PDB file of N, CA and C in Angstrom:
ATOM      1  N   MET A   1       7.801 103.934   7.083  1.00  0.00           N
ATOM      2  CA  MET A   1       7.490 103.253   5.836  1.00  0.00           C
ATOM      3  C   MET A   1       6.587 102.072   6.137  1.00  0.00           C
ATOM      4  N   SER A   2       5.480 101.975   5.445  1.00  0.00           N
ATOM      5  CA  SER A   2       4.565 100.869   5.690  1.00  0.00           C
ATOM      6  C   SER A   2       4.904  99.645   4.845  1.00  0.00           C
ATOM      7  N   VAL A   3       5.554  99.829   3.702  1.00  0.00           N
ATOM      8  CA  VAL A   3       5.923  98.705   2.850  1.00  0.00           C
ATOM      9  C   VAL A   3       7.239  98.121   3.362  1.00  0.00           C
ATOM     10  N   GLN A   4       7.246  96.825   3.554  1.00  0.00           N
ATOM     11  CA  GLN A   4       8.451  96.149   4.031  1.00  0.00           C
ATOM     12  C   GLN A   4       8.909  95.145   2.980  1.00  0.00           C
ATOM     13  N   ARG A   5      10.207  95.059   2.788  1.00  0.00           N
ATOM     14  CA  ARG A   5      10.744  94.106   1.819  1.00  0.00           C
ATOM     15  C   ARG A   5      10.715  92.672   2.347  1.00  0.00           C
ATOM     16  N   VAL A   6      10.790  92.520   3.658  1.00  0.00           N
ATOM     17  CA  VAL A   6      10.794  91.183   4.241  1.00  0.00           C
ATOM     18  C   VAL A   6       9.878  91.175   5.459  1.00  0.00           C
ATOM     19  N   ILE A   7       9.006  90.159   5.511  1.00  0.00           N
ATOM     20  CA  ILE A   7       8.072  89.976   6.620  1.00  0.00           C
ATOM     21  C   ILE A   7       8.160  88.517   7.051  1.00  0.00           C
ATOM     22  N   ALA A   8       7.382  88.124   8.052  1.00  0.00           N
ATOM     23  CA  ALA A   8       7.431  86.753   8.537  1.00  0.00           C
ATOM     24  C   ALA A   8       6.056  86.277   8.966  1.00  0.00           C
ATOM     25  N   THR A   9       5.849  84.986   8.854  1.00  0.00           N
ATOM     26  CA  THR A   9       4.618  84.366   9.333  1.00  0.00           C
ATOM     27  C   THR A   9       4.695  84.236  10.861  1.00  0.00           C
ATOM     28  N   PRO A  10       3.552  84.038  11.508  1.00  0.00           N
ATOM     29  CA  PRO A  10       3.583  83.796  12.960  1.00  0.00           C
ATOM     30  C   PRO A  10       4.460  82.595  13.337  1.00  0.00           C
ATOM     31  N   ALA A  11       4.451  81.549  12.528  1.00  0.00           N
ATOM     32  CA  ALA A  11       5.291  80.373  12.816  1.00  0.00           C
ATOM     33  C   ALA A  11       6.775  80.734  12.776  1.00  0.00           C
ATOM     34  N   ALA A  12       7.170  81.551  11.806  1.00  0.00           N
ATOM     35  CA  ALA A  12       8.571  81.971  11.715  1.00  0.00           C
ATOM     36  C   ALA A  12       8.943  82.862  12.893  1.00  0.00           C
ATOM     37  N   ILE A  13       8.042  83.760  13.269  1.00  0.00           N
ATOM     38  CA  ILE A  13       8.314  84.641  14.410  1.00  0.00           C
ATOM     39  C   ILE A  13       8.473  83.821  15.690  1.00  0.00           C
ATOM     40  N   ASP A  14       7.626  82.841  15.873  1.00  0.00           N
ATOM     41  CA  ASP A  14       7.730  81.971  17.046  1.00  0.00           C
ATOM     42  C   ASP A  14       9.081  81.254  17.071  1.00  0.00           C
ATOM     43  N   LEU A  15       9.486  80.701  15.941  1.00  0.00           N
ATOM     44  CA  LEU A  15      10.772  79.998  15.878  1.00  0.00           C
ATOM     45  C   LEU A  15      11.943  80.958  16.115  1.00  0.00           C
ATOM     46  N   ILE A  16      11.880  82.140  15.550  1.00  0.00           N
ATOM     47  CA  ILE A  16      12.941  83.125  15.767  1.00  0.00           C
ATOM     48  C   ILE A  16      13.078  83.421  17.258  1.00  0.00           C
ATOM     49  N   ASN A  17      11.959  83.629  17.926  1.00  0.00           N
ATOM     50  CA  ASN A  17      12.021  83.946  19.357  1.00  0.00           C
ATOM     51  C   ASN A  17      12.537  82.769  20.181  1.00  0.00           C
ATOM     52  N   ARG A  18      12.207  81.552  19.789  1.00  0.00           N
ATOM     53  CA  ARG A  18      12.780  80.378  20.480  1.00  0.00           C
ATOM     54  C   ARG A  18      14.286  80.305  20.251  1.00  0.00           C
ATOM     55  N   LEU A  19      14.734  80.555  19.023  1.00  0.00           N
ATOM     56  CA  LEU A  19      16.168  80.518  18.712  1.00  0.00           C
ATOM     57  C   LEU A  19      16.919  81.633  19.431  1.00  0.00           C
ATOM     58  N   LYS A  20      16.300  82.808  19.562  1.00  0.00           N
ATOM     59  CA  LYS A  20      16.941  83.923  20.266  1.00  0.00           C
ATOM     60  C   LYS A  20      17.162  83.584  21.737  1.00  0.00           C
ATOM     61  N   LYS A  21      16.240  82.841  22.342  1.00  0.00           N
ATOM     62  CA  LYS A  21      16.406  82.435  23.747  1.00  0.00           C
ATOM     63  C   LYS A  21      17.611  81.515  23.917  1.00  0.00           C
ATOM     64  N   ILE A  22      17.902  80.731  22.900  1.00  0.00           N
ATOM     65  CA  ILE A  22      19.029  79.789  22.946  1.00  0.00           C
ATOM     66  C   ILE A  22      20.337  80.458  22.537  1.00  0.00           C
ATOM     67  N   HIS A  23      20.308  81.237  21.440  1.00  0.00           N
ATOM     68  CA  HIS A  23      21.532  81.727  20.800  1.00  0.00           C
ATOM     69  C   HIS A  23      21.779  83.231  20.962  1.00  0.00           C
ATOM     70  N   GLY A  24      20.828  83.956  21.514  1.00  0.00           N
ATOM     71  CA  GLY A  24      20.985  85.408  21.604  1.00  0.00           C
ATOM     72  C   GLY A  24      20.585  86.078  20.300  1.00  0.00           C
ATOM     73  N   PRO A  25      21.084  87.303  20.049  1.00  0.00           N
ATOM     74  CA  PRO A  25      20.728  88.038  18.829  1.00  0.00           C
ATOM     75  C   PRO A  25      21.061  87.232  17.569  1.00  0.00           C
ATOM     76  N   LEU A  26      20.175  87.357  16.573  1.00  0.00           N
ATOM     77  CA  LEU A  26      20.315  86.579  15.338  1.00  0.00           C
ATOM     78  C   LEU A  26      20.372  87.495  14.119  1.00  0.00           C
ATOM     79  N   MET A  27      20.737  86.885  12.994  1.00  0.00           N
ATOM     80  CA  MET A  27      20.717  87.546  11.700  1.00  0.00           C
ATOM     81  C   MET A  27      20.341  86.515  10.640  1.00  0.00           C
ATOM     82  N   PHE A  28      19.885  86.981   9.498  1.00  0.00           N
ATOM     83  CA  PHE A  28      19.540  86.101   8.380  1.00  0.00           C
ATOM     84  C   PHE A  28      20.313  86.527   7.138  1.00  0.00           C
ATOM     85  N   HIS A  29      20.594  85.536   6.299  1.00  0.00           N
ATOM     86  CA  HIS A  29      21.184  85.822   4.989  1.00  0.00           C
ATOM     87  C   HIS A  29      20.523  84.906   3.968  1.00  0.00           C
ATOM     88  N   GLN A  30      20.056  85.508   2.880  1.00  0.00           N
ATOM     89  CA  GLN A  30      19.441  84.771   1.773  1.00  0.00           C
ATOM     90  C   GLN A  30      20.452  84.760   0.643  1.00  0.00           C
ATOM     91  N   SER A  31      20.989  83.587   0.360  1.00  0.00           N
ATOM     92  CA  SER A  31      22.015  83.512  -0.679  1.00  0.00           C
ATOM     93  C   SER A  31      21.376  83.205  -2.025  1.00  0.00           C
ATOM     94  N   GLY A  32      22.177  83.208  -3.032  1.00  0.00           N
ATOM     95  CA  GLY A  32      21.712  82.889  -4.370  1.00  0.00           C
ATOM     96  C   GLY A  32      22.163  81.516  -4.811  1.00  0.00           C
ATOM     97  N   GLY A  33      22.486  80.659  -3.864  1.00  0.00           N
ATOM     98  CA  GLY A  33      22.956  79.319  -4.202  1.00  0.00           C
ATOM     99  C   GLY A  33      21.850  78.455  -4.761  1.00  0.00           C
ATOM    100  N   CYS A  34      22.164  77.213  -4.970  1.00  0.00           N
ATOM    101  CA  CYS A  34      21.150  76.288  -5.472  1.00  0.00           C
ATOM    102  C   CYS A  34      20.728  75.349  -4.343  1.00  0.00           C
ATOM    103  N   CYS A  35      19.620  74.680  -4.554  1.00  0.00           N
ATOM    104  CA  CYS A  35      19.092  73.675  -3.620  1.00  0.00           C
ATOM    105  C   CYS A  35      18.957  74.273  -2.223  1.00  0.00           C
ATOM    106  N   ASP A  36      19.498  73.602  -1.204  1.00  0.00           N
ATOM    107  CA  ASP A  36      19.396  74.132   0.154  1.00  0.00           C
ATOM    108  C   ASP A  36      20.196  75.418   0.313  1.00  0.00           C
ATOM    109  N   GLY A  37      21.139  75.678  -0.572  1.00  0.00           N
ATOM    110  CA  GLY A  37      21.918  76.907  -0.499  1.00  0.00           C
ATOM    111  C   GLY A  37      21.102  78.144  -0.814  1.00  0.00           C
ATOM    112  N   SER A  38      19.903  77.955  -1.359  1.00  0.00           N
ATOM    113  CA  SER A  38      19.059  79.105  -1.676  1.00  0.00           C
ATOM    114  C   SER A  38      18.054  79.401  -0.569  1.00  0.00           C
ATOM    115  N   GLN A  39      18.052  78.607   0.487  1.00  0.00           N
ATOM    116  CA  GLN A  39      17.126  78.879   1.585  1.00  0.00           C
ATOM    117  C   GLN A  39      17.706  79.949   2.492  1.00  0.00           C
ATOM    118  N   PRO A  40      16.826  80.674   3.196  1.00  0.00           N
ATOM    119  CA  PRO A  40      17.344  81.678   4.132  1.00  0.00           C
ATOM    120  C   PRO A  40      18.090  80.991   5.268  1.00  0.00           C
ATOM    121  N   MET A  41      19.203  81.554   5.634  1.00  0.00           N
ATOM    122  CA  MET A  41      20.039  80.978   6.682  1.00  0.00           C
ATOM    123  C   MET A  41      19.996  81.882   7.903  1.00  0.00           C
ATOM    124  N   CYS A  42      19.875  81.261   9.081  1.00  0.00           N
ATOM    125  CA  CYS A  42      19.823  81.973  10.344  1.00  0.00           C
ATOM    126  C   CYS A  42      21.108  81.692  11.117  1.00  0.00           C
ATOM    127  N   PHE A  43      21.765  82.756  11.574  1.00  0.00           N
ATOM    128  CA  PHE A  43      23.028  82.649  12.299  1.00  0.00           C
ATOM    129  C   PHE A  43      22.975  83.504  13.559  1.00  0.00           C
ATOM    130  N   PRO A  44      23.824  83.202  14.539  1.00  0.00           N
ATOM    131  CA  PRO A  44      24.004  84.177  15.616  1.00  0.00           C
ATOM    132  C   PRO A  44      24.504  85.475  14.980  1.00  0.00           C
ATOM    133  N   GLU A  45      24.012  86.594  15.480  1.00  0.00           N
ATOM    134  CA  GLU A  45      24.398  87.895  14.919  1.00  0.00           C
ATOM    135  C   GLU A  45      25.919  88.022  14.856  1.00  0.00           C
ATOM    136  N   GLY A  46      26.423  88.381  13.680  1.00  0.00           N
ATOM    137  CA  GLY A  46      27.848  88.576  13.494  1.00  0.00           C
ATOM    138  C   GLY A  46      28.612  87.326  13.099  1.00  0.00           C
ATOM    139  N   GLU A  47      27.988  86.155  13.169  1.00  0.00           N
ATOM    140  CA  GLU A  47      28.705  84.928  12.813  1.00  0.00           C
ATOM    141  C   GLU A  47      28.918  84.814  11.307  1.00  0.00           C
ATOM    142  N   PHE A  48      27.960  85.324  10.532  1.00  0.00           N
ATOM    143  CA  PHE A  48      28.099  85.339   9.083  1.00  0.00           C
ATOM    144  C   PHE A  48      28.716  86.677   8.697  1.00  0.00           C
ATOM    145  N   LYS A  49      29.794  86.638   7.947  1.00  0.00           N
ATOM    146  CA  LYS A  49      30.485  87.860   7.529  1.00  0.00           C
ATOM    147  C   LYS A  49      29.720  88.509   6.380  1.00  0.00           C
ATOM    148  N   VAL A  50      29.098  89.643   6.666  1.00  0.00           N
ATOM    149  CA  VAL A  50      28.371  90.392   5.656  1.00  0.00           C
ATOM    150  C   VAL A  50      29.380  91.193   4.850  1.00  0.00           C
ATOM    151  N   GLY A  51      29.269  91.125   3.531  1.00  0.00           N
ATOM    152  CA  GLY A  51      30.206  91.822   2.662  1.00  0.00           C
ATOM    153  C   GLY A  51      29.627  93.098   2.091  1.00  0.00           C
ATOM    154  N   GLY A  52      30.446  93.816   1.381  1.00  0.00           N
ATOM    155  CA  GLY A  52      30.040  95.074   0.761  1.00  0.00           C
ATOM    156  C   GLY A  52      28.962  94.905  -0.291  1.00  0.00           C
ATOM    157  N   SER A  53      28.803  93.703  -0.806  1.00  0.00           N
ATOM    158  CA  SER A  53      27.778  93.475  -1.820  1.00  0.00           C
ATOM    159  C   SER A  53      26.488  92.905  -1.226  1.00  0.00           C
ATOM    160  N   ASP A  54      26.403  92.845   0.106  1.00  0.00           N
ATOM    161  CA  ASP A  54      25.177  92.382   0.754  1.00  0.00           C
ATOM    162  C   ASP A  54      24.300  93.579   1.093  1.00  0.00           C
ATOM    163  N   ILE A  55      22.997  93.400   0.940  1.00  0.00           N
ATOM    164  CA  ILE A  55      22.023  94.452   1.177  1.00  0.00           C
ATOM    165  C   ILE A  55      21.129  94.027   2.332  1.00  0.00           C
ATOM    166  N   CYS A  56      20.910  94.921   3.282  1.00  0.00           N
ATOM    167  CA  CYS A  56      19.975  94.648   4.375  1.00  0.00           C
ATOM    168  C   CYS A  56      18.575  95.007   3.881  1.00  0.00           C
ATOM    169  N   LEU A  57      17.711  94.008   3.811  1.00  0.00           N
ATOM    170  CA  LEU A  57      16.349  94.223   3.334  1.00  0.00           C
ATOM    171  C   LEU A  57      15.416  94.729   4.427  1.00  0.00           C
ATOM    172  N   GLY A  58      15.816  94.556   5.669  1.00  0.00           N
ATOM    173  CA  GLY A  58      14.984  94.962   6.788  1.00  0.00           C
ATOM    174  C   GLY A  58      15.262  94.085   7.993  1.00  0.00           C
ATOM    175  N   GLU A  59      14.344  94.116   8.936  1.00  0.00           N
ATOM    176  CA  GLU A  59      14.485  93.322  10.151  1.00  0.00           C
ATOM    177  C   GLU A  59      13.211  92.559  10.429  1.00  0.00           C
ATOM    178  N   ILE A  60      13.398  91.374  10.996  1.00  0.00           N
ATOM    179  CA  ILE A  60      12.294  90.563  11.500  1.00  0.00           C
ATOM    180  C   ILE A  60      12.610  90.273  12.953  1.00  0.00           C
ATOM    181  N   GLU A  61      11.748  90.732  13.857  1.00  0.00           N
ATOM    182  CA  GLU A  61      11.972  90.514  15.289  1.00  0.00           C
ATOM    183  C   GLU A  61      13.365  90.980  15.712  1.00  0.00           C
ATOM    184  N   GLN A  62      13.762  92.155  15.260  1.00  0.00           N
ATOM    185  CA  GLN A  62      15.055  92.771  15.558  1.00  0.00           C
ATOM    186  C   GLN A  62      16.246  91.969  15.004  1.00  0.00           C
ATOM    187  N   CYS A  63      16.001  91.138  14.005  1.00  0.00           N
ATOM    188  CA  CYS A  63      17.066  90.359  13.351  1.00  0.00           C
ATOM    189  C   CYS A  63      17.208  90.876  11.923  1.00  0.00           C
ATOM    190  N   LYS A  64      18.384  91.388  11.593  1.00  0.00           N
ATOM    191  CA  LYS A  64      18.605  91.895  10.240  1.00  0.00           C
ATOM    192  C   LYS A  64      18.562  90.755   9.229  1.00  0.00           C
ATOM    193  N   PHE A  65      18.003  91.071   8.054  1.00  0.00           N
ATOM    194  CA  PHE A  65      17.849  90.094   6.973  1.00  0.00           C
ATOM    195  C   PHE A  65      18.595  90.634   5.759  1.00  0.00           C
ATOM    196  N   TYR A  66      19.652  89.927   5.360  1.00  0.00           N
ATOM    197  CA  TYR A  66      20.519  90.348   4.258  1.00  0.00           C
ATOM    198  C   TYR A  66      20.327  89.468   3.024  1.00  0.00           C
ATOM    199  N   MET A  67      20.668  90.050   1.888  1.00  0.00           N
ATOM    200  CA  MET A  67      20.672  89.315   0.616  1.00  0.00           C
ATOM    201  C   MET A  67      21.810  89.876  -0.221  1.00  0.00           C
ATOM    202  N   GLY A  68      22.467  89.008  -0.963  1.00  0.00           N
ATOM    203  CA  GLY A  68      23.517  89.445  -1.865  1.00  0.00           C
ATOM    204  C   GLY A  68      22.953  90.355  -2.950  1.00  0.00           C
ATOM    205  N   ALA A  69      23.729  91.344  -3.381  1.00  0.00           N
ATOM    206  CA  ALA A  69      23.265  92.326  -4.364  1.00  0.00           C
ATOM    207  C   ALA A  69      22.855  91.675  -5.680  1.00  0.00           C
ATOM    208  N   ASP A  70      23.597  90.658  -6.124  1.00  0.00           N
ATOM    209  CA  ASP A  70      23.233  89.981  -7.375  1.00  0.00           C
ATOM    210  C   ASP A  70      21.862  89.329  -7.255  1.00  0.00           C
ATOM    211  N   GLN A  71      21.610  88.690  -6.117  1.00  0.00           N
ATOM    212  CA  GLN A  71      20.319  88.057  -5.871  1.00  0.00           C
ATOM    213  C   GLN A  71      19.221  89.117  -5.762  1.00  0.00           C
ATOM    214  N   PHE A  72      19.534  90.223  -5.083  1.00  0.00           N
ATOM    215  CA  PHE A  72      18.557  91.292  -4.913  1.00  0.00           C
ATOM    216  C   PHE A  72      18.124  91.871  -6.266  1.00  0.00           C
ATOM    217  N   ALA A  73      19.024  91.919  -7.224  1.00  0.00           N
ATOM    218  CA  ALA A  73      18.672  92.440  -8.549  1.00  0.00           C
ATOM    219  C   ALA A  73      17.499  91.664  -9.156  1.00  0.00           C
ATOM    220  N   TYR A  74      17.402  90.384  -8.849  1.00  0.00           N
ATOM    221  CA  TYR A  74      16.300  89.564  -9.347  1.00  0.00           C
ATOM    222  C   TYR A  74      15.045  89.690  -8.483  1.00  0.00           C
ATOM    223  N   TRP A  75      15.210  89.961  -7.209  1.00  0.00           N
ATOM    224  CA  TRP A  75      14.102  89.928  -6.245  1.00  0.00           C
ATOM    225  C   TRP A  75      13.624  91.297  -5.790  1.00  0.00           C
ATOM    226  N   LYS A  76      14.180  92.390  -6.320  1.00  0.00           N
ATOM    227  CA  LYS A  76      13.852  93.726  -5.816  1.00  0.00           C
ATOM    228  C   LYS A  76      12.390  94.117  -6.020  1.00  0.00           C
ATOM    229  N   HIS A  77      11.688  93.439  -6.885  1.00  0.00           N
ATOM    230  CA  HIS A  77      10.278  93.733  -7.138  1.00  0.00           C
ATOM    231  C   HIS A  77       9.340  92.870  -6.298  1.00  0.00           C
ATOM    232  N   THR A  78       9.900  92.120  -5.357  1.00  0.00           N
ATOM    233  CA  THR A  78       9.086  91.195  -4.573  1.00  0.00           C
ATOM    234  C   THR A  78       9.236  91.422  -3.078  1.00  0.00           C
ATOM    235  N   GLN A  79       8.170  91.112  -2.378  1.00  0.00           N
ATOM    236  CA  GLN A  79       8.211  91.078  -0.923  1.00  0.00           C
ATOM    237  C   GLN A  79       8.467  89.630  -0.528  1.00  0.00           C
ATOM    238  N   LEU A  80       9.405  89.437   0.368  1.00  0.00           N
ATOM    239  CA  LEU A  80       9.735  88.103   0.852  1.00  0.00           C
ATOM    240  C   LEU A  80       9.039  87.864   2.179  1.00  0.00           C
ATOM    241  N   GLU A  81       8.456  86.685   2.324  1.00  0.00           N
ATOM    242  CA  GLU A  81       7.821  86.305   3.584  1.00  0.00           C
ATOM    243  C   GLU A  81       8.523  85.063   4.117  1.00  0.00           C
ATOM    244  N   LEU A  82       9.175  85.225   5.257  1.00  0.00           N
ATOM    245  CA  LEU A  82       9.880  84.130   5.906  1.00  0.00           C
ATOM    246  C   LEU A  82       8.861  83.207   6.559  1.00  0.00           C
ATOM    247  N   ASP A  83       9.009  81.909   6.321  1.00  0.00           N
ATOM    248  CA  ASP A  83       8.107  80.911   6.887  1.00  0.00           C
ATOM    249  C   ASP A  83       8.932  79.715   7.359  1.00  0.00           C
ATOM    250  N   VAL A  84       8.267  78.740   7.940  1.00  0.00           N
ATOM    251  CA  VAL A  84       8.914  77.539   8.467  1.00  0.00           C
ATOM    252  C   VAL A  84       8.165  76.326   7.944  1.00  0.00           C
ATOM    253  N   THR A  85       8.906  75.269   7.665  1.00  0.00           N
ATOM    254  CA  THR A  85       8.293  74.022   7.241  1.00  0.00           C
ATOM    255  C   THR A  85       8.997  72.855   7.930  1.00  0.00           C
ATOM    256  N   PRO A  86       8.275  71.779   8.192  1.00  0.00           N
ATOM    257  CA  PRO A  86       8.945  70.598   8.753  1.00  0.00           C
ATOM    258  C   PRO A  86       9.943  70.039   7.754  1.00  0.00           C
ATOM    259  N   GLY A  87      10.968  69.434   8.254  1.00  0.00           N
ATOM    260  CA  GLY A  87      11.978  68.835   7.390  1.00  0.00           C
ATOM    261  C   GLY A  87      13.342  69.379   7.703  1.00  0.00           C
ATOM    262  N   ARG A  88      14.293  68.551   7.510  1.00  0.00           N
ATOM    263  CA  ARG A  88      15.668  68.917   7.844  1.00  0.00           C
ATOM    264  C   ARG A  88      16.394  69.351   6.581  1.00  0.00           C
ATOM    265  N   GLY A  89      16.852  70.581   6.570  1.00  0.00           N
ATOM    266  CA  GLY A  89      17.682  71.051   5.471  1.00  0.00           C
ATOM    267  C   GLY A  89      19.115  70.603   5.700  1.00  0.00           C
ATOM    268  N   SER A  90      19.970  70.878   4.747  1.00  0.00           N
ATOM    269  CA  SER A  90      21.362  70.432   4.879  1.00  0.00           C
ATOM    270  C   SER A  90      22.318  71.608   5.062  1.00  0.00           C
ATOM    271  N   SER A  91      21.820  72.672   5.640  1.00  0.00           N
ATOM    272  CA  SER A  91      22.652  73.858   5.808  1.00  0.00           C
ATOM    273  C   SER A  91      23.147  73.967   7.244  1.00  0.00           C
ATOM    274  N   PHE A  92      23.833  75.073   7.520  1.00  0.00           N
ATOM    275  CA  PHE A  92      24.331  75.357   8.861  1.00  0.00           C
ATOM    276  C   PHE A  92      23.394  76.294   9.618  1.00  0.00           C
ATOM    277  N   SER A  93      22.202  76.500   9.111  1.00  0.00           N
ATOM    278  CA  SER A  93      21.246  77.394   9.742  1.00  0.00           C
ATOM    279  C   SER A  93      20.838  76.851  11.108  1.00  0.00           C
ATOM    280  N   LEU A  94      20.617  77.743  12.069  1.00  0.00           N
ATOM    281  CA  LEU A  94      20.395  77.361  13.466  1.00  0.00           C
ATOM    282  C   LEU A  94      19.168  76.492  13.709  1.00  0.00           C
ATOM    283  N   GLU A  95      18.154  76.581  12.856  1.00  0.00           N
ATOM    284  CA  GLU A  95      16.929  75.820  13.099  1.00  0.00           C
ATOM    285  C   GLU A  95      17.017  74.358  12.674  1.00  0.00           C
ATOM    286  N   ILE A  96      18.011  73.997  11.888  1.00  0.00           N
ATOM    287  CA  ILE A  96      18.102  72.650  11.309  1.00  0.00           C
ATOM    288  C   ILE A  96      18.040  71.533  12.359  1.00  0.00           C
ATOM    289  N   PRO A  97      18.761  71.630  13.481  1.00  0.00           N
ATOM    290  CA  PRO A  97      18.678  70.547  14.477  1.00  0.00           C
ATOM    291  C   PRO A  97      17.283  70.370  15.088  1.00  0.00           C
ATOM    292  N   MET A  98      16.396  71.341  14.897  1.00  0.00           N
ATOM    293  CA  MET A  98      15.042  71.258  15.448  1.00  0.00           C
ATOM    294  C   MET A  98      14.084  70.508  14.523  1.00  0.00           C
ATOM    295  N   GLY A  99      14.591  70.044  13.385  1.00  0.00           N
ATOM    296  CA  GLY A  99      13.754  69.294  12.447  1.00  0.00           C
ATOM    297  C   GLY A  99      12.846  70.157  11.589  1.00  0.00           C
ATOM    298  N   VAL A 100      13.172  71.435  11.487  1.00  0.00           N
ATOM    299  CA  VAL A 100      12.426  72.372  10.645  1.00  0.00           C
ATOM    300  C   VAL A 100      13.427  73.212   9.861  1.00  0.00           C
ATOM    301  N   ARG A 101      12.908  73.942   8.881  1.00  0.00           N
ATOM    302  CA  ARG A 101      13.777  74.858   8.156  1.00  0.00           C
ATOM    303  C   ARG A 101      12.985  76.069   7.702  1.00  0.00           C
ATOM    304  N   PHE A 102      13.691  77.183   7.641  1.00  0.00           N
ATOM    305  CA  PHE A 102      13.086  78.399   7.122  1.00  0.00           C
ATOM    306  C   PHE A 102      12.999  78.295   5.608  1.00  0.00           C
ATOM    307  N   PHE A 103      11.982  78.924   5.030  1.00  0.00           N
ATOM    308  CA  PHE A 103      11.895  79.058   3.581  1.00  0.00           C
ATOM    309  C   PHE A 103      11.150  80.345   3.266  1.00  0.00           C
ATOM    310  N   ILE A 104      11.130  80.713   1.998  1.00  0.00           N
ATOM    311  CA  ILE A 104      10.584  82.007   1.560  1.00  0.00           C
ATOM    312  C   ILE A 104       9.396  81.818   0.633  1.00  0.00           C
ATOM    313  N   HIS A 105       8.334  82.583   0.923  1.00  0.00           N
ATOM    314  CA  HIS A 105       7.249  82.824  -0.030  1.00  0.00           C
ATOM    315  C   HIS A 105       7.546  84.200  -0.616  1.00  0.00           C
ATOM    316  N   SER A 106       7.078  84.458  -1.808  1.00  0.00           N
ATOM    317  CA  SER A 106       7.275  85.795  -2.363  1.00  0.00           C
ATOM    318  C   SER A 106       6.035  86.236  -3.121  1.00  0.00           C
ATOM    319  N   ARG A 107       5.886  87.542  -3.218  1.00  0.00           N
ATOM    320  CA  ARG A 107       4.817  88.132  -4.039  1.00  0.00           C
ATOM    321  C   ARG A 107       5.358  89.409  -4.648  1.00  0.00           C
ATOM    322  N   LEU A 108       4.853  89.738  -5.815  1.00  0.00           N
ATOM    323  CA  LEU A 108       5.271  90.981  -6.462  1.00  0.00           C
ATOM    324  C   LEU A 108       4.672  92.174  -5.740  1.00  0.00           C
ATOM    325  N   PHE A 109       5.474  93.220  -5.583  1.00  0.00           N
ATOM    326  CA  PHE A 109       4.950  94.463  -5.043  1.00  0.00           C
ATOM    327  C   PHE A 109       3.975  95.068  -6.044  1.00  0.00           C
ATOM    328  N   THR A 110       2.998  95.814  -5.548  1.00  0.00           N
ATOM    329  CA  THR A 110       2.118  96.583  -6.422  1.00  0.00           C
ATOM    330  C   THR A 110       2.887  97.809  -6.918  1.00  0.00           C
ATOM    331  N   GLU A 111       2.356  98.464  -7.926  1.00  0.00           N
ATOM    332  CA  GLU A 111       2.986  99.689  -8.432  1.00  0.00           C
ATOM    333  C   GLU A 111       3.067 100.747  -7.329  1.00  0.00           C
ATOM    334  N   ALA A 112       2.015 100.862  -6.524  1.00  0.00           N
ATOM    335  CA  ALA A 112       2.005 101.854  -5.437  1.00  0.00           C
ATOM    336  C   ALA A 112       3.084 101.526  -4.405  1.00  0.00           C
ATOM    337  N   GLU A 113       3.257 100.257  -4.094  1.00  0.00           N
ATOM    338  CA  GLU A 113       4.289  99.863  -3.132  1.00  0.00           C
ATOM    339  C   GLU A 113       5.679 100.153  -3.675  1.00  0.00           C
ATOM    340  N   LEU A 114       5.898  99.886  -4.951  1.00  0.00           N
ATOM    341  CA  LEU A 114       7.200 100.175  -5.559  1.00  0.00           C
ATOM    342  C   LEU A 114       7.493 101.676  -5.531  1.00  0.00           C
ATOM    343  N   LEU A 115       6.477 102.487  -5.771  1.00  0.00           N
ATOM    344  CA  LEU A 115       6.661 103.943  -5.694  1.00  0.00           C
ATOM    345  C   LEU A 115       7.034 104.358  -4.283  1.00  0.00           C
ATOM    346  N   GLU A 116       6.377 103.783  -3.290  1.00  0.00           N
ATOM    347  CA  GLU A 116       6.716 104.109  -1.896  1.00  0.00           C
ATOM    348  C   GLU A 116       8.145 103.710  -1.569  1.00  0.00           C
ATOM    349  N   LEU A 117       8.567 102.528  -2.010  1.00  0.00           N
ATOM    350  CA  LEU A 117       9.941 102.078  -1.783  1.00  0.00           C
ATOM    351  C   LEU A 117      10.933 103.012  -2.452  1.00  0.00           C
ATOM    352  N   ASP A 118      10.623 103.459  -3.675  1.00  0.00           N
ATOM    353  CA  ASP A 118      11.511 104.394  -4.393  1.00  0.00           C
ATOM    354  C   ASP A 118      11.598 105.731  -3.674  1.00  0.00           C
ATOM    355  N   GLN A 119      10.479 106.226  -3.136  1.00  0.00           N
ATOM    356  CA  GLN A 119      10.481 107.501  -2.434  1.00  0.00           C
ATOM    357  C   GLN A 119      11.354 107.431  -1.188  1.00  0.00           C
ATOM    358  N   VAL A 120      11.267 106.355  -0.454  1.00  0.00           N
ATOM    359  CA  VAL A 120      12.075 106.197   0.751  1.00  0.00           C
ATOM    360  C   VAL A 120      13.552 106.129   0.385  1.00  0.00           C
ATOM    361  N   LYS A 121      13.870 105.401  -0.685  1.00  0.00           N
ATOM    362  CA  LYS A 121      15.262 105.265  -1.134  1.00  0.00           C
ATOM    363  C   LYS A 121      15.845 106.615  -1.533  1.00  0.00           C
ATOM    364  N   ASN A 122      15.031 107.472  -2.113  1.00  0.00           N
ATOM    365  CA  ASN A 122      15.509 108.764  -2.621  1.00  0.00           C
ATOM    366  C   ASN A 122      15.502 109.881  -1.584  1.00  0.00           C
ATOM    367  N   GLU A 123      15.044 109.606  -0.387  1.00  0.00           N
ATOM    368  CA  GLU A 123      15.016 110.653   0.654  1.00  0.00           C
ATOM    369  C   GLU A 123      16.363 110.830   1.303  1.00  0.00           C
TER     370      GLU A 123
END
């Protein structure tokens, strides 16, 4: 499949690889909270308990990226791009002590991309 639900900027990929050297395998979860609770959170793989209502959107640098089903209902028409910005968030995400935080850019999928995603889902 060429269409991906979640991608990352070079800066995010660099940070992920630095965090993997420190913490080992990682995972991400995008919650539907407010304020800093809505930013993507990075954890050591398995530290965040994924529930039955969480959906894996894909992987970035071999790190699974999850989102709650309720949140996904709003974002299913968009591609998420993981990025990094200076500034300290107030979450438990692994990058916070480094003085940076992950955040998301988004764009709407084209009609052709949505059709491709639907075809893969139905196979």
